[in-house]
Amino acid sequence: MKNTENKLIIKAIKAIDKNGYQNLSLRKLTQSIGLTTGAFYKHFENKTILFQKVTSEISKEFINHAKIDDSLPAQEQILQIADYFVKQIKIHPNIMNFLFFNEEAVSALTKDSASYPFLKKIRTLIEQLNLKSSVSKQDFFIQIWSFIQGYAFLIKNGVTDYDPALVRTTLKQMMKKEK
């Protein structure tokens, strides 16, 4: 049972990477591993549940591949995450779009979910930076995260090229203002 679920999750990630999540066909997904669409529902209640599992898996992969150095201060770790994020948006735009904008990912932003290691890590780091600030945890998270996402999507859409020094300088300025 778990093996089939894992195959479906892996195939879904590959399909999303290639064509985007909006175009994910359950029929094509199940056929790719020799199942019927009806058999899909033996493993997942619906497409939303599949997307929850896929979001969780991509989140785990993201945080594992980002190679964050936990021995560095929170500010430096956030810079490592931002650097990895903006690079990934060019390499895997559909995956990054899914990870941060599918309905399940958006709803995860409103809760503190252990199912999303990437979200948990970035929230923890931002909270560490915000300990002495009068800005709420959520507002500080939104400020930092809005810049990272916005900049990454400008790069993805060809508006600008990636400049690691700009990311570093901007994030450091934002973090200083809040201290």
N, C-alpha and C. Protein backbone atom coordinates (compact mmCIF):
# COMPACT_ATOMS: atom_id res chain seq x y z
N MET A 1 0.83 -1.20 0.00
CA MET A 1 0.00 0.00 0.00
C MET A 1 0.87 1.26 0.00
N LYS A 2 1.82 1.34 0.94
CA LYS A 2 2.69 2.51 1.03
C LYS A 2 3.54 2.65 -0.22
N ASN A 3 3.98 1.54 -0.78
CA ASN A 3 4.80 1.57 -1.98
C ASN A 3 4.05 2.23 -3.14
N THR A 4 2.80 1.88 -3.30
CA THR A 4 1.98 2.47 -4.37
C THR A 4 1.77 3.96 -4.10
N GLU A 5 1.50 4.32 -2.85
CA GLU A 5 1.35 5.74 -2.50
C GLU A 5 2.62 6.51 -2.82
N ASN A 6 3.76 5.93 -2.46
CA ASN A 6 5.03 6.60 -2.76
C ASN A 6 5.26 6.75 -4.25
N LYS A 7 4.91 5.72 -5.02
CA LYS A 7 5.04 5.81 -6.48
C LYS A 7 4.16 6.93 -7.03
N LEU A 8 2.94 7.02 -6.52
CA LEU A 8 2.03 8.08 -6.97
C LEU A 8 2.58 9.47 -6.61
N ILE A 9 3.13 9.59 -5.42
CA ILE A 9 3.70 10.88 -4.99
C ILE A 9 4.89 11.25 -5.87
N ILE A 10 5.78 10.30 -6.11
CA ILE A 10 6.95 10.55 -6.95
C ILE A 10 6.55 10.91 -8.38
N LYS A 11 5.60 10.16 -8.93
CA LYS A 11 5.12 10.46 -10.29
C LYS A 11 4.42 11.81 -10.34
N ALA A 12 3.68 12.14 -9.29
CA ALA A 12 3.00 13.44 -9.24
C ALA A 12 4.03 14.57 -9.22
N ILE A 13 5.09 14.41 -8.45
CA ILE A 13 6.14 15.43 -8.40
C ILE A 13 6.76 15.61 -9.78
N LYS A 14 7.04 14.51 -10.46
CA LYS A 14 7.63 14.58 -11.81
C LYS A 14 6.66 15.26 -12.79
N ALA A 15 5.39 14.91 -12.70
CA ALA A 15 4.38 15.51 -13.59
C ALA A 15 4.24 17.01 -13.31
N ILE A 16 4.24 17.38 -12.03
CA ILE A 16 4.14 18.79 -11.67
C ILE A 16 5.36 19.54 -12.18
N ASP A 17 6.53 18.97 -12.01
CA ASP A 17 7.76 19.61 -12.47
C ASP A 17 7.72 19.85 -13.98
N LYS A 18 7.18 18.90 -14.69
CA LYS A 18 7.14 19.01 -16.16
C LYS A 18 6.03 19.93 -16.66
N ASN A 19 4.81 19.79 -16.10
CA ASN A 19 3.65 20.48 -16.68
C ASN A 19 2.91 21.42 -15.74
N GLY A 20 3.31 21.51 -14.49
CA GLY A 20 2.58 22.35 -13.53
C GLY A 20 1.48 21.56 -12.85
N TYR A 21 1.12 22.00 -11.66
CA TYR A 21 0.11 21.25 -10.90
C TYR A 21 -1.31 21.46 -11.41
N GLN A 22 -1.56 22.57 -12.07
CA GLN A 22 -2.90 22.83 -12.58
C GLN A 22 -3.29 21.82 -13.67
N ASN A 23 -2.29 21.23 -14.31
CA ASN A 23 -2.53 20.31 -15.41
C ASN A 23 -2.38 18.84 -15.00
N LEU A 24 -2.31 18.57 -13.72
CA LEU A 24 -2.12 17.19 -13.27
C LEU A 24 -3.41 16.40 -13.48
N SER A 25 -3.31 15.37 -14.29
CA SER A 25 -4.43 14.49 -14.59
C SER A 25 -4.30 13.22 -13.77
N LEU A 26 -5.30 12.92 -12.95
CA LEU A 26 -5.27 11.69 -12.17
C LEU A 26 -5.25 10.46 -13.08
N ARG A 27 -5.96 10.53 -14.17
CA ARG A 27 -6.00 9.41 -15.11
C ARG A 27 -4.61 9.13 -15.65
N LYS A 28 -3.92 10.15 -16.11
CA LYS A 28 -2.56 9.96 -16.65
C LYS A 28 -1.59 9.54 -15.55
N LEU A 29 -1.75 10.13 -14.37
CA LEU A 29 -0.88 9.79 -13.25
C LEU A 29 -1.00 8.32 -12.89
N THR A 30 -2.22 7.85 -12.74
CA THR A 30 -2.43 6.45 -12.35
C THR A 30 -1.99 5.50 -13.46
N GLN A 31 -2.28 5.85 -14.71
CA GLN A 31 -1.86 5.01 -15.83
C GLN A 31 -0.35 4.86 -15.89
N SER A 32 0.38 5.91 -15.48
CA SER A 32 1.84 5.87 -15.56
C SER A 32 2.46 4.82 -14.64
N ILE A 33 1.69 4.36 -13.64
CA ILE A 33 2.20 3.28 -12.78
C ILE A 33 1.31 2.04 -12.85
N GLY A 34 0.47 1.98 -13.86
CA GLY A 34 -0.33 0.78 -14.11
C GLY A 34 -1.55 0.63 -13.23
N LEU A 35 -2.12 1.74 -12.79
CA LEU A 35 -3.35 1.71 -11.98
C LEU A 35 -4.50 2.33 -12.75
N THR A 36 -5.69 2.06 -12.27
CA THR A 36 -6.87 2.75 -12.78
C THR A 36 -7.11 3.98 -11.91
N THR A 37 -7.90 4.90 -12.40
CA THR A 37 -8.24 6.07 -11.60
C THR A 37 -8.97 5.64 -10.34
N GLY A 38 -9.82 4.64 -10.44
CA GLY A 38 -10.53 4.13 -9.27
C GLY A 38 -9.58 3.62 -8.20
N ALA A 39 -8.49 3.00 -8.62
CA ALA A 39 -7.51 2.49 -7.66
C ALA A 39 -6.82 3.63 -6.91
N PHE A 40 -6.73 4.79 -7.54
CA PHE A 40 -6.14 5.96 -6.88
C PHE A 40 -6.84 6.21 -5.54
N TYR A 41 -8.17 6.09 -5.55
CA TYR A 41 -8.96 6.41 -4.36
C TYR A 41 -8.83 5.37 -3.25
N LYS A 42 -8.17 4.27 -3.51
CA LYS A 42 -7.85 3.32 -2.45
C LYS A 42 -6.64 3.82 -1.64
N HIS A 43 -5.88 4.72 -2.26
CA HIS A 43 -4.65 5.22 -1.64
C HIS A 43 -4.78 6.65 -1.13
N PHE A 44 -5.59 7.44 -1.80
CA PHE A 44 -5.80 8.83 -1.42
C PHE A 44 -7.29 9.13 -1.50
N GLU A 45 -7.78 9.81 -0.49
CA GLU A 45 -9.22 10.14 -0.46
C GLU A 45 -9.61 11.02 -1.64
N ASN A 46 -8.71 11.93 -2.01
CA ASN A 46 -8.97 12.83 -3.13
C ASN A 46 -7.66 13.49 -3.57
N LYS A 47 -7.73 14.35 -4.56
CA LYS A 47 -6.55 15.02 -5.10
C LYS A 47 -5.94 15.96 -4.06
N THR A 48 -6.77 16.55 -3.21
CA THR A 48 -6.28 17.44 -2.16
C THR A 48 -5.34 16.70 -1.22
N ILE A 49 -5.71 15.48 -0.84
CA ILE A 49 -4.85 14.68 0.04
C ILE A 49 -3.54 14.34 -0.67
N LEU A 50 -3.62 14.02 -1.95
CA LEU A 50 -2.40 13.78 -2.72
C LEU A 50 -1.53 15.04 -2.69
N PHE A 51 -2.12 16.20 -2.93
CA PHE A 51 -1.37 17.45 -2.93
C PHE A 51 -0.75 17.73 -1.55
N GLN A 52 -1.44 17.38 -0.47
CA GLN A 52 -0.86 17.55 0.87
C GLN A 52 0.41 16.72 1.00
N LYS A 53 0.32 15.46 0.57
CA LYS A 53 1.48 14.56 0.66
C LYS A 53 2.61 15.03 -0.25
N VAL A 54 2.26 15.48 -1.45
CA VAL A 54 3.27 15.97 -2.39
C VAL A 54 3.93 17.23 -1.84
N THR A 55 3.14 18.14 -1.28
CA THR A 55 3.68 19.37 -0.70
C THR A 55 4.64 19.03 0.43
N SER A 56 4.25 18.11 1.28
CA SER A 56 5.11 17.69 2.38
C SER A 56 6.41 17.10 1.86
N GLU A 57 6.32 16.24 0.88
CA GLU A 57 7.52 15.59 0.32
C GLU A 57 8.44 16.62 -0.34
N ILE A 58 7.90 17.53 -1.12
CA ILE A 58 8.72 18.55 -1.77
C ILE A 58 9.35 19.45 -0.71
N SER A 59 8.62 19.75 0.34
CA SER A 59 9.14 20.57 1.44
C SER A 59 10.34 19.88 2.09
N LYS A 60 10.23 18.58 2.32
CA LYS A 60 11.35 17.81 2.89
C LYS A 60 12.55 17.83 1.96
N GLU A 61 12.29 17.58 0.68
CA GLU A 61 13.37 17.57 -0.30
C GLU A 61 14.04 18.94 -0.39
N PHE A 62 13.23 19.99 -0.37
CA PHE A 62 13.76 21.35 -0.47
C PHE A 62 14.72 21.62 0.68
N ILE A 63 14.30 21.36 1.90
CA ILE A 63 15.12 21.67 3.06
C ILE A 63 16.36 20.76 3.09
N ASN A 64 16.24 19.52 2.65
CA ASN A 64 17.40 18.62 2.62
C ASN A 64 18.42 19.03 1.57
N HIS A 65 17.96 19.46 0.41
CA HIS A 65 18.87 19.84 -0.67
C HIS A 65 19.42 21.25 -0.54
N ALA A 66 18.80 22.08 0.26
CA ALA A 66 19.26 23.45 0.43
C ALA A 66 20.60 23.51 1.16
N LYS A 67 20.94 22.44 1.86
CA LYS A 67 22.21 22.33 2.58
C LYS A 67 22.44 23.54 3.49
N ILE A 68 21.48 23.75 4.39
CA ILE A 68 21.58 24.84 5.35
C ILE A 68 22.58 24.44 6.44
N ASP A 69 23.51 25.32 6.73
CA ASP A 69 24.51 25.08 7.77
C ASP A 69 23.93 25.52 9.11
N ASP A 70 23.45 24.55 9.90
CA ASP A 70 22.80 24.85 11.18
C ASP A 70 23.75 25.49 12.19
N SER A 71 25.04 25.44 11.95
CA SER A 71 25.98 26.06 12.89
C SER A 71 26.08 27.58 12.68
N LEU A 72 25.54 28.07 11.57
CA LEU A 72 25.59 29.51 11.29
C LEU A 72 24.46 30.23 12.03
N PRO A 73 24.61 31.54 12.24
CA PRO A 73 23.52 32.32 12.84
C PRO A 73 22.27 32.28 11.95
N ALA A 74 21.12 32.53 12.55
CA ALA A 74 19.83 32.47 11.84
C ALA A 74 19.84 33.33 10.58
N GLN A 75 20.40 34.51 10.67
CA GLN A 75 20.45 35.43 9.52
C GLN A 75 21.17 34.79 8.34
N GLU A 76 22.29 34.14 8.59
CA GLU A 76 23.05 33.49 7.52
C GLU A 76 22.28 32.29 6.95
N GLN A 77 21.59 31.57 7.80
CA GLN A 77 20.80 30.43 7.33
C GLN A 77 19.66 30.91 6.43
N ILE A 78 19.03 32.01 6.79
CA ILE A 78 17.97 32.57 5.94
C ILE A 78 18.55 32.99 4.60
N LEU A 79 19.73 33.55 4.61
CA LEU A 79 20.38 33.93 3.35
C LEU A 79 20.68 32.69 2.50
N GLN A 80 21.07 31.59 3.13
CA GLN A 80 21.29 30.34 2.40
C GLN A 80 19.98 29.85 1.77
N ILE A 81 18.90 29.92 2.53
CA ILE A 81 17.59 29.48 2.01
C ILE A 81 17.16 30.37 0.85
N ALA A 82 17.31 31.68 1.02
CA ALA A 82 16.93 32.61 -0.05
C ALA A 82 17.74 32.33 -1.31
N ASP A 83 19.02 32.11 -1.15
CA ASP A 83 19.90 31.83 -2.28
C ASP A 83 19.44 30.56 -3.00
N TYR A 84 19.16 29.51 -2.24
CA TYR A 84 18.71 28.26 -2.83
C TYR A 84 17.35 28.43 -3.52
N PHE A 85 16.46 29.15 -2.86
CA PHE A 85 15.11 29.36 -3.41
C PHE A 85 15.17 30.05 -4.77
N VAL A 86 15.92 31.16 -4.86
CA VAL A 86 15.93 31.89 -6.13
C VAL A 86 16.64 31.09 -7.23
N LYS A 87 17.57 30.24 -6.86
CA LYS A 87 18.20 29.38 -7.87
C LYS A 87 17.21 28.31 -8.35
N GLN A 88 16.47 27.73 -7.43
CA GLN A 88 15.51 26.68 -7.77
C GLN A 88 14.36 27.18 -8.62
N ILE A 89 13.97 28.43 -8.45
CA ILE A 89 12.85 28.97 -9.21
C ILE A 89 13.17 28.97 -10.71
N LYS A 90 14.45 29.09 -11.05
CA LYS A 90 14.85 29.04 -12.45
C LYS A 90 14.94 27.61 -12.96
N ILE A 91 15.38 26.69 -12.11
CA ILE A 91 15.59 25.31 -12.52
C ILE A 91 14.27 24.53 -12.52
N HIS A 92 13.45 24.74 -11.50
CA HIS A 92 12.19 24.00 -11.33
C HIS A 92 11.03 24.97 -11.05
N PRO A 93 10.69 25.82 -12.01
CA PRO A 93 9.65 26.82 -11.74
C PRO A 93 8.29 26.22 -11.37
N ASN A 94 7.92 25.11 -12.00
CA ASN A 94 6.62 24.50 -11.70
C ASN A 94 6.58 23.91 -10.29
N ILE A 95 7.68 23.29 -9.87
CA ILE A 95 7.75 22.73 -8.52
C ILE A 95 7.68 23.86 -7.49
N MET A 96 8.44 24.91 -7.72
CA MET A 96 8.46 26.03 -6.76
C MET A 96 7.10 26.72 -6.73
N ASN A 97 6.47 26.86 -7.87
CA ASN A 97 5.14 27.44 -7.92
C ASN A 97 4.17 26.58 -7.11
N PHE A 98 4.27 25.27 -7.29
CA PHE A 98 3.42 24.35 -6.54
C PHE A 98 3.70 24.45 -5.04
N LEU A 99 4.97 24.41 -4.68
CA LEU A 99 5.35 24.39 -3.27
C LEU A 99 4.86 25.62 -2.52
N PHE A 100 4.79 26.75 -3.18
CA PHE A 100 4.44 27.97 -2.47
C PHE A 100 3.07 28.54 -2.82
N PHE A 101 2.40 28.00 -3.84
CA PHE A 101 1.14 28.61 -4.22
C PHE A 101 -0.03 27.66 -4.42
N ASN A 102 0.16 26.34 -4.29
CA ASN A 102 -1.02 25.49 -4.36
C ASN A 102 -1.83 25.71 -3.09
N GLU A 103 -3.10 25.38 -3.13
CA GLU A 103 -3.99 25.67 -1.99
C GLU A 103 -3.50 25.06 -0.69
N GLU A 104 -2.97 23.86 -0.74
CA GLU A 104 -2.47 23.22 0.48
C GLU A 104 -1.29 23.97 1.06
N ALA A 105 -0.38 24.42 0.20
CA ALA A 105 0.78 25.17 0.68
C ALA A 105 0.34 26.51 1.28
N VAL A 106 -0.61 27.17 0.64
CA VAL A 106 -1.10 28.45 1.15
C VAL A 106 -1.77 28.26 2.51
N SER A 107 -2.56 27.21 2.66
CA SER A 107 -3.21 26.99 3.96
C SER A 107 -2.17 26.62 5.03
N ALA A 108 -1.07 26.00 4.64
CA ALA A 108 -0.02 25.65 5.61
C ALA A 108 0.63 26.91 6.19
N LEU A 109 0.64 28.00 5.44
CA LEU A 109 1.23 29.24 5.93
C LEU A 109 0.47 29.80 7.13
N THR A 110 -0.79 29.43 7.26
CA THR A 110 -1.60 29.96 8.36
C THR A 110 -1.55 29.09 9.61
N LYS A 111 -0.90 27.93 9.50
CA LYS A 111 -0.76 27.07 10.67
C LYS A 111 0.70 26.69 10.83
N ASP A 112 1.07 26.27 12.00
CA ASP A 112 2.44 25.86 12.24
C ASP A 112 2.50 24.36 12.11
N SER A 113 2.76 23.89 10.93
CA SER A 113 2.66 22.46 10.65
C SER A 113 4.02 21.78 10.58
N ALA A 114 4.16 20.73 11.35
CA ALA A 114 5.38 19.92 11.31
C ALA A 114 5.46 19.11 10.03
N SER A 115 4.38 19.03 9.27
CA SER A 115 4.37 18.28 8.02
C SER A 115 5.16 18.97 6.91
N TYR A 116 5.52 20.22 7.14
CA TYR A 116 6.22 21.00 6.13
C TYR A 116 7.55 21.49 6.70
N PRO A 117 8.59 20.66 6.63
CA PRO A 117 9.88 21.01 7.25
C PRO A 117 10.45 22.33 6.77
N PHE A 118 10.25 22.65 5.49
CA PHE A 118 10.77 23.92 4.99
C PHE A 118 10.11 25.08 5.72
N LEU A 119 8.80 25.06 5.80
CA LEU A 119 8.06 26.13 6.46
C LEU A 119 8.44 26.23 7.94
N LYS A 120 8.55 25.10 8.57
CA LYS A 120 8.94 25.07 9.99
C LYS A 120 10.32 25.70 10.19
N LYS A 121 11.26 25.36 9.32
CA LYS A 121 12.64 25.88 9.41
C LYS A 121 12.67 27.39 9.22
N ILE A 122 12.02 27.87 8.17
CA ILE A 122 12.08 29.31 7.89
C ILE A 122 11.38 30.10 8.99
N ARG A 123 10.26 29.61 9.50
CA ARG A 123 9.56 30.29 10.61
C ARG A 123 10.44 30.34 11.86
N THR A 124 11.09 29.23 12.17
CA THR A 124 11.96 29.18 13.36
C THR A 124 13.10 30.19 13.23
N LEU A 125 13.72 30.24 12.07
CA LEU A 125 14.83 31.17 11.86
C LEU A 125 14.37 32.63 11.95
N ILE A 126 13.24 32.92 11.34
CA ILE A 126 12.74 34.29 11.37
C ILE A 126 12.34 34.68 12.80
N GLU A 127 11.77 33.76 13.54
CA GLU A 127 11.43 34.04 14.94
C GLU A 127 12.69 34.31 15.76
N GLN A 128 13.78 33.60 15.50
CA GLN A 128 15.03 33.85 16.21
C GLN A 128 15.53 35.26 15.97
N LEU A 129 15.36 35.75 14.76
CA LEU A 129 15.80 37.10 14.42
C LEU A 129 14.91 38.17 15.03
N ASN A 130 13.69 37.80 15.28
CA ASN A 130 12.68 38.78 15.69
C ASN A 130 12.48 38.84 17.21
N LEU A 131 13.33 38.22 17.97
CA LEU A 131 13.12 38.13 19.41
C LEU A 131 13.02 39.47 20.12
N LYS A 132 13.78 40.47 19.66
CA LYS A 132 13.80 41.76 20.35
C LYS A 132 13.03 42.84 19.59
N SER A 133 12.25 42.45 18.65
CA SER A 133 11.54 43.41 17.81
C SER A 133 10.11 43.63 18.31
N SER A 134 9.59 44.80 17.99
CA SER A 134 8.19 45.09 18.32
C SER A 134 7.24 44.59 17.24
N VAL A 135 7.80 44.15 16.11
CA VAL A 135 6.99 43.62 15.02
C VAL A 135 6.56 42.20 15.39
N SER A 136 5.31 41.86 15.11
CA SER A 136 4.83 40.51 15.43
C SER A 136 5.59 39.47 14.61
N LYS A 137 5.61 38.25 15.12
CA LYS A 137 6.27 37.14 14.41
C LYS A 137 5.71 37.00 13.01
N GLN A 138 4.38 37.05 12.91
CA GLN A 138 3.73 36.85 11.61
C GLN A 138 4.07 37.99 10.65
N ASP A 139 4.06 39.24 11.13
CA ASP A 139 4.38 40.37 10.26
C ASP A 139 5.83 40.31 9.78
N PHE A 140 6.74 39.95 10.67
CA PHE A 140 8.15 39.86 10.29
C PHE A 140 8.34 38.73 9.27
N PHE A 141 7.68 37.60 9.50
CA PHE A 141 7.72 36.49 8.54
C PHE A 141 7.23 36.97 7.17
N ILE A 142 6.11 37.68 7.15
CA ILE A 142 5.54 38.16 5.88
C ILE A 142 6.51 39.11 5.19
N GLN A 143 7.14 40.00 5.93
CA GLN A 143 8.08 40.95 5.33
C GLN A 143 9.26 40.23 4.66
N ILE A 144 9.87 39.34 5.40
CA ILE A 144 11.04 38.62 4.87
C ILE A 144 10.63 37.71 3.72
N TRP A 145 9.57 36.94 3.94
CA TRP A 145 9.17 35.96 2.94
C TRP A 145 8.64 36.63 1.68
N SER A 146 7.97 37.75 1.80
CA SER A 146 7.46 38.46 0.62
C SER A 146 8.61 38.91 -0.28
N PHE A 147 9.67 39.40 0.35
CA PHE A 147 10.83 39.81 -0.46
C PHE A 147 11.42 38.61 -1.19
N ILE A 148 11.66 37.52 -0.49
CA ILE A 148 12.28 36.34 -1.10
C ILE A 148 11.43 35.83 -2.25
N GLN A 149 10.14 35.66 -2.02
CA GLN A 149 9.26 35.15 -3.08
C GLN A 149 9.15 36.14 -4.23
N GLY A 150 8.96 37.39 -3.91
CA GLY A 150 8.81 38.40 -4.97
C GLY A 150 10.03 38.48 -5.86
N TYR A 151 11.18 38.51 -5.24
CA TYR A 151 12.43 38.57 -6.01
C TYR A 151 12.60 37.33 -6.87
N ALA A 152 12.32 36.17 -6.29
CA ALA A 152 12.45 34.93 -7.04
C ALA A 152 11.53 34.91 -8.26
N PHE A 153 10.32 35.42 -8.12
CA PHE A 153 9.40 35.40 -9.25
C PHE A 153 9.74 36.46 -10.29
N LEU A 154 10.37 37.55 -9.89
CA LEU A 154 10.89 38.50 -10.88
C LEU A 154 11.97 37.82 -11.72
N ILE A 155 12.81 37.05 -11.08
CA ILE A 155 13.86 36.29 -11.79
C ILE A 155 13.23 35.26 -12.72
N LYS A 156 12.28 34.51 -12.19
CA LYS A 156 11.61 33.47 -12.98
C LYS A 156 10.98 34.05 -14.24
N ASN A 157 10.41 35.24 -14.13
CA ASN A 157 9.72 35.85 -15.26
C ASN A 157 10.64 36.70 -16.13
N GLY A 158 11.94 36.64 -15.88
CA GLY A 158 12.90 37.32 -16.73
C GLY A 158 12.99 38.82 -16.54
N VAL A 159 12.42 39.35 -15.47
CA VAL A 159 12.46 40.78 -15.22
C VAL A 159 13.86 41.22 -14.79
N THR A 160 14.55 40.35 -14.07
CA THR A 160 15.90 40.64 -13.61
C THR A 160 16.69 39.34 -13.52
N ASP A 161 17.99 39.49 -13.37
CA ASP A 161 18.85 38.33 -13.16
C ASP A 161 19.15 38.20 -11.68
N TYR A 162 19.50 36.99 -11.29
CA TYR A 162 19.81 36.73 -9.89
C TYR A 162 21.12 37.41 -9.49
N ASP A 163 21.05 38.15 -8.40
CA ASP A 163 22.22 38.82 -7.84
C ASP A 163 22.30 38.47 -6.36
N PRO A 164 23.16 37.50 -5.99
CA PRO A 164 23.24 37.09 -4.59
C PRO A 164 23.58 38.24 -3.65
N ALA A 165 24.39 39.18 -4.12
CA ALA A 165 24.76 40.32 -3.27
C ALA A 165 23.53 41.18 -2.97
N LEU A 166 22.63 41.34 -3.93
CA LEU A 166 21.41 42.11 -3.69
C LEU A 166 20.54 41.43 -2.64
N VAL A 167 20.40 40.11 -2.73
CA VAL A 167 19.61 39.37 -1.74
C VAL A 167 20.22 39.55 -0.36
N ARG A 168 21.51 39.35 -0.26
CA ARG A 168 22.22 39.47 1.02
C ARG A 168 22.04 40.87 1.62
N THR A 169 22.27 41.89 0.82
CA THR A 169 22.17 43.27 1.31
C THR A 169 20.74 43.61 1.73
N THR A 170 19.78 43.25 0.91
CA THR A 170 18.38 43.56 1.21
C THR A 170 17.91 42.84 2.48
N LEU A 171 18.19 41.56 2.58
CA LEU A 171 17.76 40.83 3.76
C LEU A 171 18.46 41.34 5.02
N LYS A 172 19.73 41.66 4.91
CA LYS A 172 20.45 42.21 6.07
C LYS A 172 19.84 43.54 6.49
N GLN A 173 19.49 44.39 5.53
CA GLN A 173 18.86 45.68 5.87
C GLN A 173 17.51 45.47 6.54
N MET A 174 16.73 44.54 6.01
CA MET A 174 15.42 44.27 6.61
C MET A 174 15.58 43.74 8.04
N MET A 175 16.54 42.89 8.23
CA MET A 175 16.75 42.30 9.54
C MET A 175 17.29 43.31 10.54
N LYS A 176 18.13 44.22 10.09
CA LYS A 176 18.66 45.26 10.98
C LYS A 176 17.58 46.19 11.45
N LYS A 177 16.68 46.55 10.54
CA LYS A 177 15.58 47.47 10.91
C LYS A 177 14.74 46.90 12.02
N GLU A 178 14.62 45.59 12.05
CA GLU A 178 13.73 44.96 13.02
C GLU A 178 14.40 44.71 14.36
N LYS A 179 15.72 44.79 14.43
CA LYS A 179 16.43 44.49 15.68
C LYS A 179 16.39 45.64 16.66
